[in-house]
PDB file of N, CA and C in Angstrom:
ATOM      1  N   MET A   1      40.874 -46.695-121.457  1.00  0.00           N
ATOM      2  CA  MET A   1      42.159 -46.824-120.815  1.00  0.00           C
ATOM      3  C   MET A   1      42.713 -45.421-120.536  1.00  0.00           C
ATOM      4  N   SER A   2      43.152 -45.222-119.364  1.00  0.00           N
ATOM      5  CA  SER A   2      43.698 -43.941-118.939  1.00  0.00           C
ATOM      6  C   SER A   2      45.225 -44.016-118.863  1.00  0.00           C
ATOM      7  N   TYR A   3      45.855 -42.962-119.322  1.00  0.00           N
ATOM      8  CA  TYR A   3      47.318 -42.879-119.239  1.00  0.00           C
ATOM      9  C   TYR A   3      47.743 -42.381-117.857  1.00  0.00           C
ATOM     10  N   ARG A   4      48.896 -42.798-117.441  1.00  0.00           N
ATOM     11  CA  ARG A   4      49.526 -42.283-116.217  1.00  0.00           C
ATOM     12  C   ARG A   4      50.259 -41.012-116.616  1.00  0.00           C
ATOM     13  N   VAL A   5      50.288 -40.003-115.738  1.00  0.00           N
ATOM     14  CA  VAL A   5      50.969 -38.731-116.017  1.00  0.00           C
ATOM     15  C   VAL A   5      52.135 -38.563-115.082  1.00  0.00           C
ATOM     16  N   GLU A   6      53.308 -38.242-115.642  1.00  0.00           N
ATOM     17  CA  GLU A   6      54.483 -37.910-114.846  1.00  0.00           C
ATOM     18  C   GLU A   6      55.005 -36.555-115.328  1.00  0.00           C
ATOM     19  N   THR A   7      55.556 -35.786-114.407  1.00  0.00           N
ATOM     20  CA  THR A   7      56.113 -34.472-114.748  1.00  0.00           C
ATOM     21  C   THR A   7      57.583 -34.440-114.356  1.00  0.00           C
ATOM     22  N   SER A   8      58.368 -33.697-115.132  1.00  0.00           N
ATOM     23  CA  SER A   8      59.788 -33.535-114.837  1.00  0.00           C
ATOM     24  C   SER A   8      59.945 -32.547-113.661  1.00  0.00           C
ATOM     25  N   LYS A   9      61.151 -32.497-113.109  1.00  0.00           N
ATOM     26  CA  LYS A   9      61.430 -31.530-112.041  1.00  0.00           C
ATOM     27  C   LYS A   9      61.245 -30.109-112.559  1.00  0.00           C
ATOM     28  N   GLU A  10      61.600 -29.880-113.822  1.00  0.00           N
ATOM     29  CA  GLU A  10      61.443 -28.547-114.406  1.00  0.00           C
ATOM     30  C   GLU A  10      59.963 -28.123-114.436  1.00  0.00           C
ATOM     31  N   VAL A  11      59.100 -29.036-114.815  1.00  0.00           N
ATOM     32  CA  VAL A  11      57.653 -28.747-114.837  1.00  0.00           C
ATOM     33  C   VAL A  11      57.147 -28.528-113.423  1.00  0.00           C
ATOM     34  N   ASP A  12      57.599 -29.347-112.471  1.00  0.00           N
ATOM     35  CA  ASP A  12      57.184 -29.167-111.075  1.00  0.00           C
ATOM     36  C   ASP A  12      57.573 -27.792-110.553  1.00  0.00           C
ATOM     37  N   LYS A  13      58.783 -27.341-110.859  1.00  0.00           N
ATOM     38  CA  LYS A  13      59.234 -26.021-110.437  1.00  0.00           C
ATOM     39  C   LYS A  13      58.387 -24.931-111.085  1.00  0.00           C
ATOM     40  N   PHE A  14      58.074 -25.107-112.370  1.00  0.00           N
ATOM     41  CA  PHE A  14      57.231 -24.126-113.079  1.00  0.00           C
ATOM     42  C   PHE A  14      55.875 -24.013-112.412  1.00  0.00           C
ATOM     43  N   LEU A  15      55.286 -25.157-112.074  1.00  0.00           N
ATOM     44  CA  LEU A  15      53.956 -25.148-111.438  1.00  0.00           C
ATOM     45  C   LEU A  15      54.013 -24.493-110.063  1.00  0.00           C
ATOM     46  N   ASP A  16      55.069 -24.732-109.309  1.00  0.00           N
ATOM     47  CA  ASP A  16      55.236 -24.094-107.993  1.00  0.00           C
ATOM     48  C   ASP A  16      55.380 -22.583-108.122  1.00  0.00           C
ATOM     49  N   LYS A  17      56.075 -22.152-109.149  1.00  0.00           N
ATOM     50  CA  LYS A  17      56.335 -20.726-109.331  1.00  0.00           C
ATOM     51  C   LYS A  17      55.137 -19.976-109.913  1.00  0.00           C
ATOM     52  N   HIS A  18      54.352 -20.630-110.751  1.00  0.00           N
ATOM     53  CA  HIS A  18      53.231 -20.007-111.439  1.00  0.00           C
ATOM     54  C   HIS A  18      51.894 -20.549-110.891  1.00  0.00           C
ATOM     55  N   LYS A  19      51.595 -20.183-109.686  1.00  0.00           N
ATOM     56  CA  LYS A  19      50.381 -20.684-109.008  1.00  0.00           C
ATOM     57  C   LYS A  19      49.103 -20.273-109.739  1.00  0.00           C
ATOM     58  N   ASP A  20      49.153 -19.156-110.496  1.00  0.00           N
ATOM     59  CA  ASP A  20      47.953 -18.684-111.185  1.00  0.00           C
ATOM     60  C   ASP A  20      47.528 -19.610-112.331  1.00  0.00           C
ATOM     61  N   ILE A  21      48.481 -20.172-113.041  1.00  0.00           N
ATOM     62  CA  ILE A  21      48.181 -21.021-114.182  1.00  0.00           C
ATOM     63  C   ILE A  21      48.245 -22.520-113.860  1.00  0.00           C
ATOM     64  N   ALA A  22      48.842 -22.873-112.734  1.00  0.00           N
ATOM     65  CA  ALA A  22      49.049 -24.280-112.363  1.00  0.00           C
ATOM     66  C   ALA A  22      47.746 -25.105-112.363  1.00  0.00           C
ATOM     67  N   PRO A  23      46.646 -24.592-111.788  1.00  0.00           N
ATOM     68  CA  PRO A  23      45.427 -25.417-111.799  1.00  0.00           C
ATOM     69  C   PRO A  23      44.921 -25.733-113.214  1.00  0.00           C
ATOM     70  N   LYS A  24      45.050 -24.781-114.112  1.00  0.00           N
ATOM     71  CA  LYS A  24      44.610 -25.000-115.484  1.00  0.00           C
ATOM     72  C   LYS A  24      45.502 -26.033-116.191  1.00  0.00           C
ATOM     73  N   ILE A  25      46.810 -25.962-115.931  1.00  0.00           N
ATOM     74  CA  ILE A  25      47.734 -26.942-116.523  1.00  0.00           C
ATOM     75  C   ILE A  25      47.439 -28.346-115.974  1.00  0.00           C
ATOM     76  N   LEU A  26      47.221 -28.451-114.665  1.00  0.00           N
ATOM     77  CA  LEU A  26      46.926 -29.757-114.063  1.00  0.00           C
ATOM     78  C   LEU A  26      45.618 -30.321-114.591  1.00  0.00           C
ATOM     79  N   GLN A  27      44.603 -29.469-114.758  1.00  0.00           N
ATOM     80  CA  GLN A  27      43.315 -29.929-115.317  1.00  0.00           C
ATOM     81  C   GLN A  27      43.515 -30.417-116.743  1.00  0.00           C
ATOM     82  N   SER A  28      44.317 -29.705-117.515  1.00  0.00           N
ATOM     83  CA  SER A  28      44.595 -30.112-118.896  1.00  0.00           C
ATOM     84  C   SER A  28      45.322 -31.459-118.928  1.00  0.00           C
ATOM     85  N   LEU A  29      46.250 -31.664-118.019  1.00  0.00           N
ATOM     86  CA  LEU A  29      46.943 -32.955-117.958  1.00  0.00           C
ATOM     87  C   LEU A  29      45.976 -34.093-117.621  1.00  0.00           C
ATOM     88  N   ARG A  30      44.988 -33.824-116.756  1.00  0.00           N
ATOM     89  CA  ARG A  30      43.980 -34.842-116.444  1.00  0.00           C
ATOM     90  C   ARG A  30      43.162 -35.205-117.689  1.00  0.00           C
ATOM     91  N   ILE A  31      42.835 -34.176-118.472  1.00  0.00           N
ATOM     92  CA  ILE A  31      42.083 -34.419-119.724  1.00  0.00           C
ATOM     93  C   ILE A  31      42.940 -35.224-120.697  1.00  0.00           C
ATOM     94  N   ILE A  32      44.205 -34.858-120.840  1.00  0.00           N
ATOM     95  CA  ILE A  32      45.116 -35.582-121.742  1.00  0.00           C
ATOM     96  C   ILE A  32      45.282 -37.021-121.303  1.00  0.00           C
ATOM     97  N   ALA A  33      45.294 -37.278-120.000  1.00  0.00           N
ATOM     98  CA  ALA A  33      45.434 -38.632-119.502  1.00  0.00           C
ATOM     99  C   ALA A  33      44.267 -39.518-119.964  1.00  0.00           C
ATOM    100  N   GLN A  34      43.076 -38.926-120.080  1.00  0.00           N
ATOM    101  CA  GLN A  34      41.912 -39.662-120.538  1.00  0.00           C
ATOM    102  C   GLN A  34      41.885 -39.795-122.083  1.00  0.00           C
ATOM    103  N   ASN A  35      42.288 -38.717-122.765  1.00  0.00           N
ATOM    104  CA  ASN A  35      42.300 -38.695-124.216  1.00  0.00           C
ATOM    105  C   ASN A  35      43.444 -37.813-124.688  1.00  0.00           C
ATOM    106  N   PRO A  36      44.569 -38.391-125.069  1.00  0.00           N
ATOM    107  CA  PRO A  36      45.755 -37.600-125.436  1.00  0.00           C
ATOM    108  C   PRO A  36      45.563 -36.631-126.616  1.00  0.00           C
ATOM    109  N   PHE A  37      44.472 -36.816-127.367  1.00  0.00           N
ATOM    110  CA  PHE A  37      44.247 -35.973-128.538  1.00  0.00           C
ATOM    111  C   PHE A  37      42.898 -35.249-128.458  1.00  0.00           C
ATOM    112  N   ASP A  38      42.506 -34.843-127.263  1.00  0.00           N
ATOM    113  CA  ASP A  38      41.206 -34.182-127.031  1.00  0.00           C
ATOM    114  C   ASP A  38      41.113 -32.903-127.858  1.00  0.00           C
ATOM    115  N   ASN A  39      40.051 -32.781-128.630  1.00  0.00           N
ATOM    116  CA  ASN A  39      39.853 -31.604-129.491  1.00  0.00           C
ATOM    117  C   ASN A  39      39.535 -30.338-128.721  1.00  0.00           C
ATOM    118  N   ALA A  40      39.167 -30.453-127.450  1.00  0.00           N
ATOM    119  CA  ALA A  40      38.859 -29.277-126.654  1.00  0.00           C
ATOM    120  C   ALA A  40      40.132 -28.514-126.262  1.00  0.00           C
ATOM    121  N   LEU A  41      41.286 -29.156-126.360  1.00  0.00           N
ATOM    122  CA  LEU A  41      42.552 -28.528-126.009  1.00  0.00           C
ATOM    123  C   LEU A  41      43.341 -28.145-127.271  1.00  0.00           C
ATOM    124  N   ASP A  42      44.176 -27.141-127.150  1.00  0.00           N
ATOM    125  CA  ASP A  42      45.003 -26.696-128.272  1.00  0.00           C
ATOM    126  C   ASP A  42      46.314 -27.501-128.248  1.00  0.00           C
ATOM    127  N   ILE A  43      46.286 -28.643-128.939  1.00  0.00           N
ATOM    128  CA  ILE A  43      47.410 -29.578-128.966  1.00  0.00           C
ATOM    129  C   ILE A  43      47.939 -29.657-130.391  1.00  0.00           C
ATOM    130  N   LYS A  44      49.255 -29.617-130.526  1.00  0.00           N
ATOM    131  CA  LYS A  44      49.884 -29.805-131.833  1.00  0.00           C
ATOM    132  C   LYS A  44      51.094 -30.723-131.684  1.00  0.00           C
ATOM    133  N   LYS A  45      51.310 -31.529-132.709  1.00  0.00           N
ATOM    134  CA  LYS A  45      52.493 -32.396-132.740  1.00  0.00           C
ATOM    135  C   LYS A  45      53.724 -31.535-133.026  1.00  0.00           C
ATOM    136  N   LEU A  46      54.807 -31.813-132.341  1.00  0.00           N
ATOM    137  CA  LEU A  46      56.056 -31.085-132.591  1.00  0.00           C
ATOM    138  C   LEU A  46      56.709 -31.598-133.876  1.00  0.00           C
ATOM    139  N   GLN A  47      57.099 -30.694-134.736  1.00  0.00           N
ATOM    140  CA  GLN A  47      57.709 -31.088-136.003  1.00  0.00           C
ATOM    141  C   GLN A  47      59.053 -31.754-135.766  1.00  0.00           C
ATOM    142  N   GLY A  48      59.282 -32.830-136.485  1.00  0.00           N
ATOM    143  CA  GLY A  48      60.561 -33.521-136.391  1.00  0.00           C
ATOM    144  C   GLY A  48      60.716 -34.367-135.145  1.00  0.00           C
ATOM    145  N   GLU A  49      59.676 -34.466-134.360  1.00  0.00           N
ATOM    146  CA  GLU A  49      59.728 -35.258-133.110  1.00  0.00           C
ATOM    147  C   GLU A  49      58.602 -36.294-133.159  1.00  0.00           C
ATOM    148  N   GLU A  50      58.956 -37.498-132.846  1.00  0.00           N
ATOM    149  CA  GLU A  50      57.964 -38.557-132.817  1.00  0.00           C
ATOM    150  C   GLU A  50      57.363 -38.683-131.425  1.00  0.00           C
ATOM    151  N   HIS A  51      56.075 -38.698-131.325  1.00  0.00           N
ATOM    152  CA  HIS A  51      55.327 -38.871-130.070  1.00  0.00           C
ATOM    153  C   HIS A  51      55.456 -37.671-129.132  1.00  0.00           C
ATOM    154  N   LYS A  52      55.907 -36.509-129.634  1.00  0.00           N
ATOM    155  CA  LYS A  52      56.050 -35.337-128.777  1.00  0.00           C
ATOM    156  C   LYS A  52      55.070 -34.257-129.245  1.00  0.00           C
ATOM    157  N   TYR A  53      54.438 -33.608-128.259  1.00  0.00           N
ATOM    158  CA  TYR A  53      53.393 -32.651-128.522  1.00  0.00           C
ATOM    159  C   TYR A  53      53.559 -31.412-127.662  1.00  0.00           C
ATOM    160  N   ARG A  54      52.851 -30.352-128.066  1.00  0.00           N
ATOM    161  CA  ARG A  54      52.807 -29.174-127.250  1.00  0.00           C
ATOM    162  C   ARG A  54      51.352 -28.845-126.957  1.00  0.00           C
ATOM    163  N   LEU A  55      51.136 -28.379-125.749  1.00  0.00           N
ATOM    164  CA  LEU A  55      49.808 -27.954-125.304  1.00  0.00           C
ATOM    165  C   LEU A  55      49.885 -26.468-125.042  1.00  0.00           C
ATOM    166  N   ARG A  56      49.018 -25.699-125.682  1.00  0.00           N
ATOM    167  CA  ARG A  56      48.984 -24.253-125.485  1.00  0.00           C
ATOM    168  C   ARG A  56      47.952 -23.922-124.418  1.00  0.00           C
ATOM    169  N   ILE A  57      48.399 -23.187-123.406  1.00  0.00           N
ATOM    170  CA  ILE A  57      47.492 -22.711-122.355  1.00  0.00           C
ATOM    171  C   ILE A  57      47.789 -21.215-122.185  1.00  0.00           C
ATOM    172  N   GLY A  58      47.013 -20.396-122.882  1.00  0.00           N
ATOM    173  CA  GLY A  58      47.252 -18.960-122.854  1.00  0.00           C
ATOM    174  C   GLY A  58      48.609 -18.650-123.448  1.00  0.00           C
ATOM    175  N   LYS A  59      49.418 -17.904-122.710  1.00  0.00           N
ATOM    176  CA  LYS A  59      50.758 -17.546-123.217  1.00  0.00           C
ATOM    177  C   LYS A  59      51.825 -18.584-122.847  1.00  0.00           C
ATOM    178  N   TYR A  60      51.406 -19.682-122.252  1.00  0.00           N
ATOM    179  CA  TYR A  60      52.319 -20.726-121.826  1.00  0.00           C
ATOM    180  C   TYR A  60      52.217 -21.963-122.722  1.00  0.00           C
ATOM    181  N   ARG A  61      53.312 -22.740-122.751  1.00  0.00           N
ATOM    182  CA  ARG A  61      53.328 -23.976-123.524  1.00  0.00           C
ATOM    183  C   ARG A  61      53.844 -25.084-122.623  1.00  0.00           C
ATOM    184  N   LEU A  62      53.213 -26.232-122.729  1.00  0.00           N
ATOM    185  CA  LEU A  62      53.636 -27.429-122.018  1.00  0.00           C
ATOM    186  C   LEU A  62      54.031 -28.450-123.084  1.00  0.00           C
ATOM    187  N   LEU A  63      55.248 -28.943-123.022  1.00  0.00           N
ATOM    188  CA  LEU A  63      55.703 -29.962-123.950  1.00  0.00           C
ATOM    189  C   LEU A  63      55.624 -31.319-123.269  1.00  0.00           C
ATOM    190  N   TYR A  64      55.072 -32.290-123.986  1.00  0.00           N
ATOM    191  CA  TYR A  64      54.948 -33.624-123.392  1.00  0.00           C
ATOM    192  C   TYR A  64      55.147 -34.691-124.452  1.00  0.00           C
ATOM    193  N   GLU A  65      55.419 -35.886-123.949  1.00  0.00           N
ATOM    194  CA  GLU A  65      55.662 -37.046-124.815  1.00  0.00           C
ATOM    195  C   GLU A  65      54.666 -38.136-124.432  1.00  0.00           C
ATOM    196  N   ILE A  66      54.163 -38.821-125.420  1.00  0.00           N
ATOM    197  CA  ILE A  66      53.274 -39.963-125.198  1.00  0.00           C
ATOM    198  C   ILE A  66      54.105 -41.224-125.372  1.00  0.00           C
ATOM    199  N   ILE A  67      54.183 -42.021-124.322  1.00  0.00           N
ATOM    200  CA  ILE A  67      54.947 -43.283-124.359  1.00  0.00           C
ATOM    201  C   ILE A  67      53.911 -44.410-124.258  1.00  0.00           C
ATOM    202  N   ASP A  68      53.454 -44.899-125.413  1.00  0.00           N
ATOM    203  CA  ASP A  68      52.387 -45.891-125.452  1.00  0.00           C
ATOM    204  C   ASP A  68      52.753 -47.184-124.770  1.00  0.00           C
ATOM    205  N   GLU A  69      54.004 -47.609-124.894  1.00  0.00           N
ATOM    206  CA  GLU A  69      54.420 -48.891-124.313  1.00  0.00           C
ATOM    207  C   GLU A  69      54.224 -48.906-122.803  1.00  0.00           C
ATOM    208  N   GLN A  70      54.347 -47.758-122.171  1.00  0.00           N
ATOM    209  CA  GLN A  70      54.215 -47.660-120.710  1.00  0.00           C
ATOM    210  C   GLN A  70      52.890 -47.035-120.289  1.00  0.00           C
ATOM    211  N   ILE A  71      52.042 -46.725-121.264  1.00  0.00           N
ATOM    212  CA  ILE A  71      50.777 -46.029-121.031  1.00  0.00           C
ATOM    213  C   ILE A  71      51.061 -44.785-120.172  1.00  0.00           C
ATOM    214  N   LEU A  72      51.922 -43.922-120.685  1.00  0.00           N
ATOM    215  CA  LEU A  72      52.448 -42.784-119.917  1.00  0.00           C
ATOM    216  C   LEU A  72      52.431 -41.510-120.732  1.00  0.00           C
ATOM    217  N   ILE A  73      52.045 -40.420-120.081  1.00  0.00           N
ATOM    218  CA  ILE A  73      52.199 -39.067-120.607  1.00  0.00           C
ATOM    219  C   ILE A  73      53.299 -38.423-119.763  1.00  0.00           C
ATOM    220  N   TYR A  74      54.394 -38.035-120.390  1.00  0.00           N
ATOM    221  CA  TYR A  74      55.528 -37.431-119.644  1.00  0.00           C
ATOM    222  C   TYR A  74      55.640 -35.969-120.047  1.00  0.00           C
ATOM    223  N   ALA A  75      55.271 -35.070-119.117  1.00  0.00           N
ATOM    224  CA  ALA A  75      55.398 -33.622-119.343  1.00  0.00           C
ATOM    225  C   ALA A  75      56.810 -33.222-118.945  1.00  0.00           C
ATOM    226  N   TYR A  76      57.602 -32.756-119.931  1.00  0.00           N
ATOM    227  CA  TYR A  76      59.016 -32.510-119.655  1.00  0.00           C
ATOM    228  C   TYR A  76      59.419 -31.046-119.677  1.00  0.00           C
ATOM    229  N   LYS A  77      58.558 -30.148-120.181  1.00  0.00           N
ATOM    230  CA  LYS A  77      58.963 -28.743-120.209  1.00  0.00           C
ATOM    231  C   LYS A  77      57.731 -27.855-120.206  1.00  0.00           C
ATOM    232  N   ALA A  78      57.777 -26.766-119.420  1.00  0.00           N
ATOM    233  CA  ALA A  78      56.703 -25.779-119.386  1.00  0.00           C
ATOM    234  C   ALA A  78      57.336 -24.402-119.213  1.00  0.00           C
ATOM    235  N   GLN A  79      56.999 -23.502-120.121  1.00  0.00           N
ATOM    236  CA  GLN A  79      57.511 -22.131-120.055  1.00  0.00           C
ATOM    237  C   GLN A  79      56.618 -21.235-120.879  1.00  0.00           C
ATOM    238  N   SER A  80      56.968 -19.945-120.878  1.00  0.00           N
ATOM    239  CA  SER A  80      56.222 -19.037-121.738  1.00  0.00           C
ATOM    240  C   SER A  80      56.540 -19.342-123.183  1.00  0.00           C
ATOM    241  N   ARG A  81      55.703 -18.898-124.078  1.00  0.00           N
ATOM    242  CA  ARG A  81      55.832 -19.243-125.484  1.00  0.00           C
ATOM    243  C   ARG A  81      57.188 -18.852-126.055  1.00  0.00           C
ATOM    244  N   GLY A  82      57.725 -17.726-125.681  1.00  0.00           N
ATOM    245  CA  GLY A  82      58.992 -17.257-126.224  1.00  0.00           C
ATOM    246  C   GLY A  82      60.198 -18.044-125.781  1.00  0.00           C
ATOM    247  N   ASP A  83      60.090 -18.764-124.680  1.00  0.00           N
ATOM    248  CA  ASP A  83      61.230 -19.475-124.106  1.00  0.00           C
ATOM    249  C   ASP A  83      61.190 -20.986-124.257  1.00  0.00           C
ATOM    250  N   VAL A  84      60.024 -21.555-124.478  1.00  0.00           N
ATOM    251  CA  VAL A  84      59.876 -23.015-124.383  1.00  0.00           C
ATOM    252  C   VAL A  84      60.603 -23.762-125.483  1.00  0.00           C
ATOM    253  N   TYR A  85      60.766 -23.182-126.649  1.00  0.00           N
ATOM    254  CA  TYR A  85      61.357 -23.915-127.768  1.00  0.00           C
ATOM    255  C   TYR A  85      62.874 -23.760-127.839  1.00  0.00           C
ATOM    256  N   LYS A  86      63.490 -23.031-126.917  1.00  0.00           N
ATOM    257  CA  LYS A  86      64.939 -22.808-126.941  1.00  0.00           C
ATOM    258  C   LYS A  86      65.683 -24.007-126.391  1.00  0.00           C
TER     259      LYS A  86
END
């Protein structure tokens, strides 16, 4: 079973602005859609948050939520490591 992937407007703007890293982020989202806990990716659960994870891609972080009831991966934030958790 494959998850559907949706991105927030903030993530869409980030991808438009960072054309160099966008293909790698999109490829990672395709992998997550097939297997949300793929060991090939640097994924960690966010502390104190249920069903929310972070994906590390170089110096950037993508925050996403797994919504099992809707079979959905929702990517809601992408920024550099120093800014993403603010």
